[in-house]
PDB file of N, CA and C in Angstrom:
ATOM      1  N   MET A   1       2.659  -9.643 168.507  1.00  0.00           N
ATOM      2  CA  MET A   1       4.248  -9.941 168.128  1.00  0.00           C
ATOM      3  C   MET A   1       3.880 -12.180 168.479  1.00  0.00           C
ATOM      4  N   THR A   2       4.065 -12.351 166.810  1.00  0.00           N
ATOM      5  CA  THR A   2       4.882 -13.710 166.777  1.00  0.00           C
ATOM      6  C   THR A   2       6.350 -13.741 167.415  1.00  0.00           C
ATOM      7  N   ASP A   3       6.287 -14.804 167.198  1.00  0.00           N
ATOM      8  CA  ASP A   3       7.764 -15.215 167.446  1.00  0.00           C
ATOM      9  C   ASP A   3       7.949 -15.503 165.607  1.00  0.00           C
ATOM     10  N   PRO A   4       8.904 -15.586 165.615  1.00  0.00           N
ATOM     11  CA  PRO A   4       9.819 -15.733 163.917  1.00  0.00           C
ATOM     12  C   PRO A   4      10.714 -16.921 164.280  1.00  0.00           C
ATOM     13  N   SER A   5      10.508 -17.039 163.262  1.00  0.00           N
ATOM     14  CA  SER A   5      10.895 -19.207 162.736  1.00  0.00           C
ATOM     15  C   SER A   5      12.753 -18.632 162.795  1.00  0.00           C
ATOM     16  N   LEU A   6      13.556 -19.291 163.353  1.00  0.00           N
ATOM     17  CA  LEU A   6      14.799 -19.938 164.023  1.00  0.00           C
ATOM     18  C   LEU A   6      15.643 -19.243 162.873  1.00  0.00           C
ATOM     19  N   GLU A   7      14.602 -18.918 161.473  1.00  0.00           N
ATOM     20  CA  GLU A   7      15.455 -18.473 160.316  1.00  0.00           C
ATOM     21  C   GLU A   7      15.075 -17.542 160.264  1.00  0.00           C
ATOM     22  N   GLU A   8      14.085 -16.642 160.050  1.00  0.00           N
ATOM     23  CA  GLU A   8      13.285 -15.574 160.662  1.00  0.00           C
ATOM     24  C   GLU A   8      14.944 -14.571 162.004  1.00  0.00           C
ATOM     25  N   PHE A   9      15.061 -15.633 162.705  1.00  0.00           N
ATOM     26  CA  PHE A   9      15.603 -15.384 164.402  1.00  0.00           C
ATOM     27  C   PHE A   9      17.454 -14.802 163.767  1.00  0.00           C
ATOM     28  N   LEU A  10      17.993 -15.642 162.676  1.00  0.00           N
ATOM     29  CA  LEU A  10      19.212 -15.532 162.544  1.00  0.00           C
ATOM     30  C   LEU A  10      19.160 -15.001 161.292  1.00  0.00           C
ATOM     31  N   ALA A  11      18.318 -14.225 160.917  1.00  0.00           N
ATOM     32  CA  ALA A  11      18.433 -13.596 159.550  1.00  0.00           C
ATOM     33  C   ALA A  11      18.842 -11.936 160.431  1.00  0.00           C
ATOM     34  N   LEU A  12      17.905 -11.509 161.280  1.00  0.00           N
ATOM     35  CA  LEU A  12      18.099 -10.699 162.104  1.00  0.00           C
ATOM     36  C   LEU A  12      19.221 -10.360 162.384  1.00  0.00           C
ATOM     37  N   ALA A  13      19.561 -11.707 163.030  1.00  0.00           N
ATOM     38  CA  ALA A  13      20.981 -11.711 163.576  1.00  0.00           C
ATOM     39  C   ALA A  13      22.208 -10.851 162.979  1.00  0.00           C
ATOM     40  N   ARG A  14      21.611 -11.442 161.545  1.00  0.00           N
ATOM     41  CA  ARG A  14      22.759 -11.623 160.827  1.00  0.00           C
ATOM     42  C   ARG A  14      22.782  -9.743 160.203  1.00  0.00           C
ATOM     43  N   HIS A  15      21.604  -9.024 160.271  1.00  0.00           N
ATOM     44  CA  HIS A  15      21.360  -8.343 159.758  1.00  0.00           C
ATOM     45  C   HIS A  15      22.124  -7.464 161.176  1.00  0.00           C
ATOM     46  N   ALA A  16      22.215  -7.133 162.353  1.00  0.00           N
ATOM     47  CA  ALA A  16      22.799  -6.690 163.153  1.00  0.00           C
ATOM     48  C   ALA A  16      24.226  -7.124 163.493  1.00  0.00           C
ATOM     49  N   GLY A  17      24.805  -8.022 162.086  1.00  0.00           N
ATOM     50  CA  GLY A  17      26.214  -8.459 162.455  1.00  0.00           C
ATOM     51  C   GLY A  17      26.589  -9.175 163.910  1.00  0.00           C
ATOM     52  N   LEU A  18      26.095 -10.443 163.707  1.00  0.00           N
ATOM     53  CA  LEU A  18      25.732 -11.789 164.605  1.00  0.00           C
ATOM     54  C   LEU A  18      25.639 -13.028 164.189  1.00  0.00           C
ATOM     55  N   GLU A  19      26.649 -13.647 164.223  1.00  0.00           N
ATOM     56  CA  GLU A  19      26.815 -15.239 163.770  1.00  0.00           C
ATOM     57  C   GLU A  19      26.895 -16.105 164.908  1.00  0.00           C
ATOM     58  N   PHE A  20      25.936 -17.303 164.457  1.00  0.00           N
ATOM     59  CA  PHE A  20      25.963 -18.304 164.994  1.00  0.00           C
ATOM     60  C   PHE A  20      26.511 -19.463 164.547  1.00  0.00           C
ATOM     61  N   THR A  21      26.869 -20.146 165.676  1.00  0.00           N
ATOM     62  CA  THR A  21      27.351 -21.982 164.820  1.00  0.00           C
ATOM     63  C   THR A  21      26.296 -22.534 164.995  1.00  0.00           C
ATOM     64  N   GLU A  22      25.884 -23.219 164.113  1.00  0.00           N
ATOM     65  CA  GLU A  22      24.933 -24.412 164.245  1.00  0.00           C
ATOM     66  C   GLU A  22      24.487 -25.061 165.457  1.00  0.00           C
ATOM     67  N   GLU A  23      25.636 -25.045 166.905  1.00  0.00           N
ATOM     68  CA  GLU A  23      25.272 -25.224 168.021  1.00  0.00           C
ATOM     69  C   GLU A  23      24.531 -24.107 168.861  1.00  0.00           C
ATOM     70  N   GLU A  24      25.160 -23.279 168.438  1.00  0.00           N
ATOM     71  CA  GLU A  24      24.237 -22.059 168.580  1.00  0.00           C
ATOM     72  C   GLU A  24      23.119 -21.472 169.061  1.00  0.00           C
ATOM     73  N   ALA A  25      23.447 -21.302 167.411  1.00  0.00           N
ATOM     74  CA  ALA A  25      21.920 -20.876 166.963  1.00  0.00           C
ATOM     75  C   ALA A  25      20.881 -21.280 168.047  1.00  0.00           C
ATOM     76  N   PRO A  26      19.959 -22.757 167.690  1.00  0.00           N
ATOM     77  CA  PRO A  26      18.882 -23.056 168.922  1.00  0.00           C
ATOM     78  C   PRO A  26      18.771 -22.006 170.422  1.00  0.00           C
ATOM     79  N   ARG A  27      19.883 -22.561 170.704  1.00  0.00           N
ATOM     80  CA  ARG A  27      19.786 -22.420 171.734  1.00  0.00           C
ATOM     81  C   ARG A  27      19.733 -19.972 171.953  1.00  0.00           C
ATOM     82  N   MET A  28      20.213 -19.570 171.087  1.00  0.00           N
ATOM     83  CA  MET A  28      19.993 -17.911 171.417  1.00  0.00           C
ATOM     84  C   MET A  28      18.842 -18.027 170.582  1.00  0.00           C
ATOM     85  N   HIS A  29      18.121 -18.712 169.952  1.00  0.00           N
ATOM     86  CA  HIS A  29      16.420 -18.218 169.340  1.00  0.00           C
ATOM     87  C   HIS A  29      16.134 -18.517 170.380  1.00  0.00           C
ATOM     88  N   GLU A  30      15.998 -19.856 171.713  1.00  0.00           N
ATOM     89  CA  GLU A  30      15.286 -19.849 172.545  1.00  0.00           C
ATOM     90  C   GLU A  30      15.203 -19.131 174.005  1.00  0.00           C
ATOM     91  N   GLY A  31      16.159 -19.194 173.656  1.00  0.00           N
ATOM     92  CA  GLY A  31      16.758 -17.700 175.045  1.00  0.00           C
ATOM     93  C   GLY A  31      16.117 -16.311 174.335  1.00  0.00           C
ATOM     94  N   TRP A  32      16.237 -15.865 173.259  1.00  0.00           N
ATOM     95  CA  TRP A  32      15.837 -14.987 172.925  1.00  0.00           C
ATOM     96  C   TRP A  32      13.781 -15.002 172.646  1.00  0.00           C
ATOM     97  N   ARG A  33      14.301 -15.948 172.497  1.00  0.00           N
ATOM     98  CA  ARG A  33      12.091 -15.939 172.681  1.00  0.00           C
ATOM     99  C   ARG A  33      11.661 -16.014 174.335  1.00  0.00           C
ATOM    100  N   ARG A  34      12.886 -16.497 174.951  1.00  0.00           N
ATOM    101  CA  ARG A  34      11.871 -16.831 176.608  1.00  0.00           C
ATOM    102  C   ARG A  34      12.384 -15.345 177.016  1.00  0.00           C
ATOM    103  N   MET A  35      13.388 -14.483 176.931  1.00  0.00           N
ATOM    104  CA  MET A  35      13.516 -12.918 177.194  1.00  0.00           C
ATOM    105  C   MET A  35      12.537 -12.247 176.835  1.00  0.00           C
ATOM    106  N   GLN A  36      11.602 -12.427 175.411  1.00  0.00           N
ATOM    107  CA  GLN A  36      10.685 -11.701 174.625  1.00  0.00           C
ATOM    108  C   GLN A  36      10.251 -12.027 175.512  1.00  0.00           C
ATOM    109  N   SER A  37       9.102 -12.867 176.288  1.00  0.00           N
ATOM    110  CA  SER A  37       7.810 -13.380 177.031  1.00  0.00           C
ATOM    111  C   SER A  37       8.053 -12.558 178.213  1.00  0.00           C
ATOM    112  N   MET A  38       9.533 -13.309 178.804  1.00  0.00           N
ATOM    113  CA  MET A  38       9.346 -13.291 180.416  1.00  0.00           C
ATOM    114  C   MET A  38       9.886 -11.617 180.702  1.00  0.00           C
ATOM    115  N   LEU A  39      10.678 -11.291 180.004  1.00  0.00           N
ATOM    116  CA  LEU A  39      11.128  -9.744 180.346  1.00  0.00           C
ATOM    117  C   LEU A  39      10.359  -8.713 179.846  1.00  0.00           C
ATOM    118  N   LEU A  40      10.590  -8.866 178.256  1.00  0.00           N
ATOM    119  CA  LEU A  40      10.231  -7.686 177.846  1.00  0.00           C
ATOM    120  C   LEU A  40       8.368  -7.091 177.667  1.00  0.00           C
ATOM    121  N   SER A  41       7.453  -8.681 177.977  1.00  0.00           N
ATOM    122  CA  SER A  41       5.902  -8.192 178.208  1.00  0.00           C
ATOM    123  C   SER A  41       5.771  -7.588 179.045  1.00  0.00           C
ATOM    124  N   ARG A  42       6.931  -7.879 180.604  1.00  0.00           N
ATOM    125  CA  ARG A  42       6.332  -6.755 181.548  1.00  0.00           C
ATOM    126  C   ARG A  42       6.815  -5.211 181.270  1.00  0.00           C
ATOM    127  N   LEU A  43       7.113  -4.981 180.163  1.00  0.00           N
ATOM    128  CA  LEU A  43       7.743  -3.420 180.710  1.00  0.00           C
ATOM    129  C   LEU A  43       6.240  -2.952 179.829  1.00  0.00           C
ATOM    130  N   PRO A  44       5.486  -1.843 180.348  1.00  0.00           N
ATOM    131  CA  PRO A  44       4.814  -1.221 180.150  1.00  0.00           C
ATOM    132  C   PRO A  44       4.652  -0.039 178.784  1.00  0.00           C
ATOM    133  N   ALA A  45       3.730  -0.450 178.579  1.00  0.00           N
ATOM    134  CA  ALA A  45       3.316  -0.614 176.905  1.00  0.00           C
ATOM    135  C   ALA A  45       3.696   1.569 176.571  1.00  0.00           C
ATOM    136  N   ASP A  46       3.214   2.062 177.622  1.00  0.00           N
ATOM    137  CA  ASP A  46       2.981   3.430 177.617  1.00  0.00           C
ATOM    138  C   ASP A  46       4.064   4.416 178.743  1.00  0.00           C
ATOM    139  N   PRO A  47       5.267   4.112 179.328  1.00  0.00           N
ATOM    140  CA  PRO A  47       5.614   4.486 180.674  1.00  0.00           C
ATOM    141  C   PRO A  47       5.787   5.722 180.999  1.00  0.00           C
ATOM    142  N   ASP A  48       5.116   5.955 181.746  1.00  0.00           N
ATOM    143  CA  ASP A  48       6.006   7.646 182.224  1.00  0.00           C
ATOM    144  C   ASP A  48       6.735   8.211 182.676  1.00  0.00           C
ATOM    145  N   LEU A  49       7.185   8.695 181.571  1.00  0.00           N
ATOM    146  CA  LEU A  49       9.018   9.259 181.354  1.00  0.00           C
ATOM    147  C   LEU A  49       9.423   9.852 182.460  1.00  0.00           C
ATOM    148  N   THR A  50       8.462  10.560 183.143  1.00  0.00           N
ATOM    149  CA  THR A  50       8.862  10.987 184.705  1.00  0.00           C
ATOM    150  C   THR A  50       9.276  10.285 185.646  1.00  0.00           C
ATOM    151  N   ASP A  51       8.963   9.233 185.402  1.00  0.00           N
ATOM    152  CA  ASP A  51       9.143   7.579 186.523  1.00  0.00           C
ATOM    153  C   ASP A  51      10.978   7.432 186.310  1.00  0.00           C
ATOM    154  N   GLU A  52      10.800   7.922 185.083  1.00  0.00           N
ATOM    155  CA  GLU A  52      11.846   6.734 184.463  1.00  0.00           C
ATOM    156  C   GLU A  52      13.794   7.591 184.997  1.00  0.00           C
ATOM    157  N   PRO A  53      14.478   6.829 185.350  1.00  0.00           N
ATOM    158  CA  PRO A  53      15.906   7.255 185.922  1.00  0.00           C
ATOM    159  C   PRO A  53      15.932   8.307 184.561  1.00  0.00           C
ATOM    160  N   ALA A  54      16.627   9.193 184.780  1.00  0.00           N
ATOM    161  CA  ALA A  54      17.446   9.660 183.207  1.00  0.00           C
ATOM    162  C   ALA A  54      18.905   9.749 183.610  1.00  0.00           C
ATOM    163  N   LEU A  55      19.668   9.927 182.657  1.00  0.00           N
ATOM    164  CA  LEU A  55      21.138   9.694 182.245  1.00  0.00           C
ATOM    165  C   LEU A  55      21.862  11.303 182.387  1.00  0.00           C
ATOM    166  N   VAL A  56      22.705  11.735 183.449  1.00  0.00           N
ATOM    167  CA  VAL A  56      22.882  12.558 183.433  1.00  0.00           C
ATOM    168  C   VAL A  56      24.442  12.722 182.904  1.00  0.00           C
ATOM    169  N   PHE A  57      25.073  13.450 181.830  1.00  0.00           N
ATOM    170  CA  PHE A  57      26.483  13.878 181.382  1.00  0.00           C
ATOM    171  C   PHE A  57      27.095  14.705 182.417  1.00  0.00           C
ATOM    172  N   VAL A  58      28.396  14.258 183.015  1.00  0.00           N
ATOM    173  CA  VAL A  58      28.674  15.526 184.016  1.00  0.00           C
ATOM    174  C   VAL A  58      30.061  15.854 183.523  1.00  0.00           C
ATOM    175  N   ALA A  59      30.667  16.566 182.840  1.00  0.00           N
ATOM    176  CA  ALA A  59      32.436  16.626 181.817  1.00  0.00           C
ATOM    177  C   ALA A  59      33.198  16.764 182.745  1.00  0.00           C
ATOM    178  N   ALA A  60      34.683  16.525 182.222  1.00  0.00           N
ATOM    179  CA  ALA A  60      35.028  16.023 183.333  1.00  0.00           C
ATOM    180  C   ALA A  60      35.941  17.149 183.594  1.00  0.00           C
ATOM    181  N   GLY A  61      35.863  17.296 185.266  1.00  0.00           N
ATOM    182  CA  GLY A  61      36.330  18.423 185.907  1.00  0.00           C
ATOM    183  C   GLY A  61      35.565  19.638 186.407  1.00  0.00           C
ATOM    184  N   ALA A  62      33.910  19.272 185.879  1.00  0.00           N
ATOM    185  CA  ALA A  62      32.799  20.344 186.655  1.00  0.00           C
ATOM    186  C   ALA A  62      32.550  19.523 187.504  1.00  0.00           C
ATOM    187  N   GLY A  63      31.968  20.892 188.176  1.00  0.00           N
ATOM    188  CA  GLY A  63      31.647  20.221 189.852  1.00  0.00           C
ATOM    189  C   GLY A  63      30.063  20.138 189.922  1.00  0.00           C
ATOM    190  N   ILE A  64      29.004  19.928 190.839  1.00  0.00           N
ATOM    191  CA  ILE A  64      28.290  18.998 190.773  1.00  0.00           C
ATOM    192  C   ILE A  64      27.316  20.428 192.770  1.00  0.00           C
ATOM    193  N   ALA A  65      26.218  20.974 191.610  1.00  0.00           N
ATOM    194  CA  ALA A  65      25.788  22.185 192.873  1.00  0.00           C
ATOM    195  C   ALA A  65      24.580  21.353 193.820  1.00  0.00           C
ATOM    196  N   ARG A  66      25.102  21.566 194.706  1.00  0.00           N
ATOM    197  CA  ARG A  66      23.480  20.972 195.479  1.00  0.00           C
ATOM    198  C   ARG A  66      22.865  21.743 195.946  1.00  0.00           C
TER     199      ARG A  66
END
């Protein structure tokens, strides 16, 4: 995946409901690019879901059996 230009990034941000000032835009774009390259690239493409933590909903007043 190629990095989008600043203009493409801002279009994606606007579509998500985010607006940046002229000062913020380049910093947010650079931060997003670094996040993509350093953090998201480390995620496995096809993780084993049995190793992933599960979200569990416990209704108010419910007990937990052990």
